[in-house]
């Protein structure tokens, strides 16, 4: 085998058809996938800026009555 990824031989038509089917299914979903990724990144950025804002205000977080998970071991 020469190591090339050229589609030739007995299964060439099936591979091309499979590639076309995957492209037809995946391409319409691409905007939705990008929208979800953008929403998650924006949410994380807002949470990080909110946490940084609390640190700059100098307010302390009140300790909870429950023990931490690492102290339970």
C-alpha atoms as a PDB file:
ATOM      1  CA  UNK A   1       0.000   0.000   0.000  1.00  0.00           C
ATOM      2  CA  UNK A   2       1.361   3.402  -0.928  1.00  0.00           C
ATOM      3  CA  UNK A   3      -0.065   5.265   2.089  1.00  0.00           C
ATOM      4  CA  UNK A   4      -2.148   7.750   0.130  1.00  0.00           C
ATOM      5  CA  UNK A   5      -5.684   8.528   1.222  1.00  0.00           C
ATOM      6  CA  UNK A   6      -7.027   8.581  -2.312  1.00  0.00           C
ATOM      7  CA  UNK A   7     -10.460   7.023  -2.714  1.00  0.00           C
ATOM      8  CA  UNK A   8     -10.080   4.375  -5.364  1.00  0.00           C
ATOM      9  CA  UNK A   9     -11.103   0.819  -5.872  1.00  0.00           C
ATOM     10  CA  UNK A  10     -14.077  -1.240  -4.925  1.00  0.00           C
ATOM     11  CA  UNK A  11     -15.586   0.938  -2.148  1.00  0.00           C
ATOM     12  CA  UNK A  12     -14.895   4.385  -3.607  1.00  0.00           C
ATOM     13  CA  UNK A  13     -18.523   5.174  -4.443  1.00  0.00           C
ATOM     14  CA  UNK A  14     -19.719   4.110  -0.987  1.00  0.00           C
ATOM     15  CA  UNK A  15     -17.132   6.288   0.722  1.00  0.00           C
ATOM     16  CA  UNK A  16     -18.103   9.297  -1.360  1.00  0.00           C
ATOM     17  CA  UNK A  17     -21.806   8.727  -0.651  1.00  0.00           C
ATOM     18  CA  UNK A  18     -21.103   8.387   3.080  1.00  0.00           C
ATOM     19  CA  UNK A  19     -19.123  11.637   3.035  1.00  0.00           C
ATOM     20  CA  UNK A  20     -21.972  13.432   1.266  1.00  0.00           C
ATOM     21  CA  UNK A  21     -24.545  12.089   3.754  1.00  0.00           C
ATOM     22  CA  UNK A  22     -22.439  13.198   6.728  1.00  0.00           C
ATOM     23  CA  UNK A  23     -21.979  16.655   5.175  1.00  0.00           C
ATOM     24  CA  UNK A  24     -25.721  16.992   4.533  1.00  0.00           C
ATOM     25  CA  UNK A  25     -26.484  16.123   8.168  1.00  0.00           C
ATOM     26  CA  UNK A  26     -23.647  18.084   9.827  1.00  0.00           C
ATOM     27  CA  UNK A  27     -23.650  21.356   7.903  1.00  0.00           C
ATOM     28  CA  UNK A  28     -27.198  22.465   8.846  1.00  0.00           C
ATOM     29  CA  UNK A  29     -26.399  21.736  12.507  1.00  0.00           C
ATOM     30  CA  UNK A  30     -23.212  23.820  12.453  1.00  0.00           C
ATOM     31  CA  UNK A  31     -24.903  27.167  13.313  1.00  0.00           C
ATOM     32  CA  UNK A  32     -26.714  25.530  16.244  1.00  0.00           C
ATOM     33  CA  UNK A  33     -23.476  23.991  17.521  1.00  0.00           C
ATOM     34  CA  UNK A  34     -21.661  27.327  17.250  1.00  0.00           C
ATOM     35  CA  UNK A  35     -24.529  29.089  19.038  1.00  0.00           C
ATOM     36  CA  UNK A  36     -24.378  26.642  21.950  1.00  0.00           C
ATOM     37  CA  UNK A  37     -20.587  26.993  22.189  1.00  0.00           C
ATOM     38  CA  UNK A  38     -20.871  30.794  22.156  1.00  0.00           C
ATOM     39  CA  UNK A  39     -23.574  30.762  24.840  1.00  0.00           C
ATOM     40  CA  UNK A  40     -21.472  28.544  27.122  1.00  0.00           C
ATOM     41  CA  UNK A  41     -18.398  30.741  26.661  1.00  0.00           C
ATOM     42  CA  UNK A  42     -20.401  33.910  27.371  1.00  0.00           C
ATOM     43  CA  UNK A  43     -21.935  32.364  30.490  1.00  0.00           C
ATOM     44  CA  UNK A  44     -18.513  31.318  31.791  1.00  0.00           C
ATOM     45  CA  UNK A  45     -17.060  34.754  31.063  1.00  0.00           C
ATOM     46  CA  UNK A  46     -19.899  36.484  32.913  1.00  0.00           C
ATOM     47  CA  UNK A  47     -19.477  34.172  35.909  1.00  0.00           C
ATOM     48  CA  UNK A  48     -15.730  34.831  35.983  1.00  0.00           C
ATOM     49  CA  UNK A  49     -16.193  38.598  35.819  1.00  0.00           C
ATOM     50  CA  UNK A  50     -18.828  38.412  38.560  1.00  0.00           C
ATOM     51  CA  UNK A  51     -16.431  36.442  40.769  1.00  0.00           C
ATOM     52  CA  UNK A  52     -13.635  38.903  40.048  1.00  0.00           C
ATOM     53  CA  UNK A  53     -15.970  41.758  40.946  1.00  0.00           C
ATOM     54  CA  UNK A  54     -16.671  40.189  44.329  1.00  0.00           C
ATOM     55  CA  UNK A  55     -12.949  39.852  45.014  1.00  0.00           C
ATOM     56  CA  UNK A  56     -12.280  43.512  44.253  1.00  0.00           C
ATOM     57  CA  UNK A  57     -15.119  44.649  46.518  1.00  0.00           C
ATOM     58  CA  UNK A  58     -13.410  43.011  49.459  1.00  0.00           C
ATOM     59  CA  UNK A  59     -16.471  41.177  50.674  1.00  0.00           C
ATOM     60  CA  UNK A  60     -15.803  37.885  52.340  1.00  0.00           C
ATOM     61  CA  UNK A  61     -17.738  34.713  51.791  1.00  0.00           C
ATOM     62  CA  UNK A  62     -19.476  33.453  54.927  1.00  0.00           C
ATOM     63  CA  UNK A  63     -18.353  29.961  55.929  1.00  0.00           C
ATOM     64  CA  UNK A  64     -20.984  27.292  55.625  1.00  0.00           C
ATOM     65  CA  UNK A  65     -22.034  24.986  58.462  1.00  0.00           C
ATOM     66  CA  UNK A  66     -21.375  21.893  56.359  1.00  0.00           C
ATOM     67  CA  UNK A  67     -17.896  20.347  56.363  1.00  0.00           C
ATOM     68  CA  UNK A  68     -16.000  20.317  53.098  1.00  0.00           C
ATOM     69  CA  UNK A  69     -15.916  17.140  51.002  1.00  0.00           C
ATOM     70  CA  UNK A  70     -12.166  16.724  51.558  1.00  0.00           C
ATOM     71  CA  UNK A  71     -12.617  16.828  55.343  1.00  0.00           C
ATOM     72  CA  UNK A  72     -15.098  13.937  55.241  1.00  0.00           C
ATOM     73  CA  UNK A  73     -12.509  11.380  54.150  1.00  0.00           C
END
